[in-house]
Amino acid sequence: MRPTRILIAESAGFSPRALQTLRAAGAAVTAADLTRAGLMRAIGSADVVWVRLRTRVDAALLDR
């Protein structure tokens, strides 16, 4: 079974402890401070997308 692929799209200020916990649970975590264009390119390879307040998740993003 492959690990869950988690994309953290707003990594600035993201808790290092939370990253460690996710990785310790076996997740393949990518943490980056992405623009919307960067997120549009990266979202297709993720199982989970973790955003905070800056990112607007809409149909165009989810259809990727």
Protein backbone atom coordinates (compact mmCIF):
# COMPACT_ATOMS: atom_id res chain seq x y z
CA MET A 1 0.00 0.00 0.00
CA ARG A 2 1.40 3.38 -0.95
CA PRO A 3 1.53 6.22 1.57
CA THR A 4 -1.07 8.97 1.49
CA ARG A 5 0.30 11.91 -0.48
CA ILE A 6 -0.34 15.17 1.38
CA LEU A 7 0.33 18.52 -0.25
CA ILE A 8 0.60 21.43 2.16
CA ALA A 9 0.05 24.40 -0.11
CA GLU A 10 0.77 27.14 2.42
CA SER A 11 3.84 26.04 4.31
CA ALA A 12 4.88 29.45 5.69
CA GLY A 13 4.32 29.22 9.41
CA PHE A 14 3.23 25.57 9.26
CA SER A 15 4.08 23.73 12.44
CA PRO A 16 7.27 21.64 12.20
CA ARG A 17 5.76 19.36 14.82
CA ALA A 18 2.67 18.81 12.66
CA LEU A 19 4.92 17.94 9.70
CA GLN A 20 6.82 15.48 11.85
CA THR A 21 3.59 13.90 13.07
CA LEU A 22 2.22 13.47 9.55
CA ARG A 23 5.46 11.92 8.33
CA ALA A 24 5.69 9.66 11.39
CA ALA A 25 2.19 8.41 10.54
CA GLY A 26 3.53 7.27 7.18
CA ALA A 27 2.31 10.08 4.94
CA ALA A 28 4.38 11.36 2.03
CA VAL A 29 4.25 15.08 2.76
CA THR A 30 5.20 17.86 0.37
CA ALA A 31 5.23 21.28 2.00
CA ALA A 32 5.57 24.35 -0.20
CA ASP A 33 4.36 27.93 -0.25
CA LEU A 34 2.55 27.72 -3.59
CA THR A 35 0.92 30.34 -5.73
CA ARG A 36 -2.42 29.41 -7.25
CA ALA A 37 -0.67 28.51 -10.52
CA GLY A 38 1.78 26.29 -8.62
CA LEU A 39 -1.06 24.63 -6.76
CA MET A 40 -2.91 24.01 -10.03
CA ARG A 41 0.16 22.15 -11.32
CA ALA A 42 0.78 20.17 -8.13
CA ILE A 43 -2.70 19.20 -6.98
CA GLY A 44 -3.14 16.29 -9.39
CA SER A 45 -0.54 14.17 -7.64
CA ALA A 46 -1.95 14.68 -4.12
CA ASP A 47 -4.48 12.63 -2.18
CA VAL A 48 -4.94 15.41 0.37
CA VAL A 49 -4.48 19.14 -0.11
CA TRP A 50 -3.98 21.15 3.04
CA VAL A 51 -4.67 24.87 2.69
CA ARG A 52 -5.09 27.69 5.11
CA LEU A 53 -6.76 31.07 4.64
CA ARG A 54 -4.94 32.43 1.58
CA THR A 55 -6.00 29.75 -0.89
CA ARG A 56 -9.45 29.69 -2.43
CA VAL A 57 -10.54 26.14 -3.25
CA ASP A 58 -13.04 26.16 -6.09
CA ALA A 59 -14.28 23.85 -8.85
CA ALA A 60 -11.43 24.79 -11.20
CA LEU A 61 -8.91 23.67 -8.61
CA LEU A 62 -10.76 20.48 -7.65
CA ASP A 63 -11.19 19.43 -11.28
CA ARG A 64 -7.40 19.12 -11.60
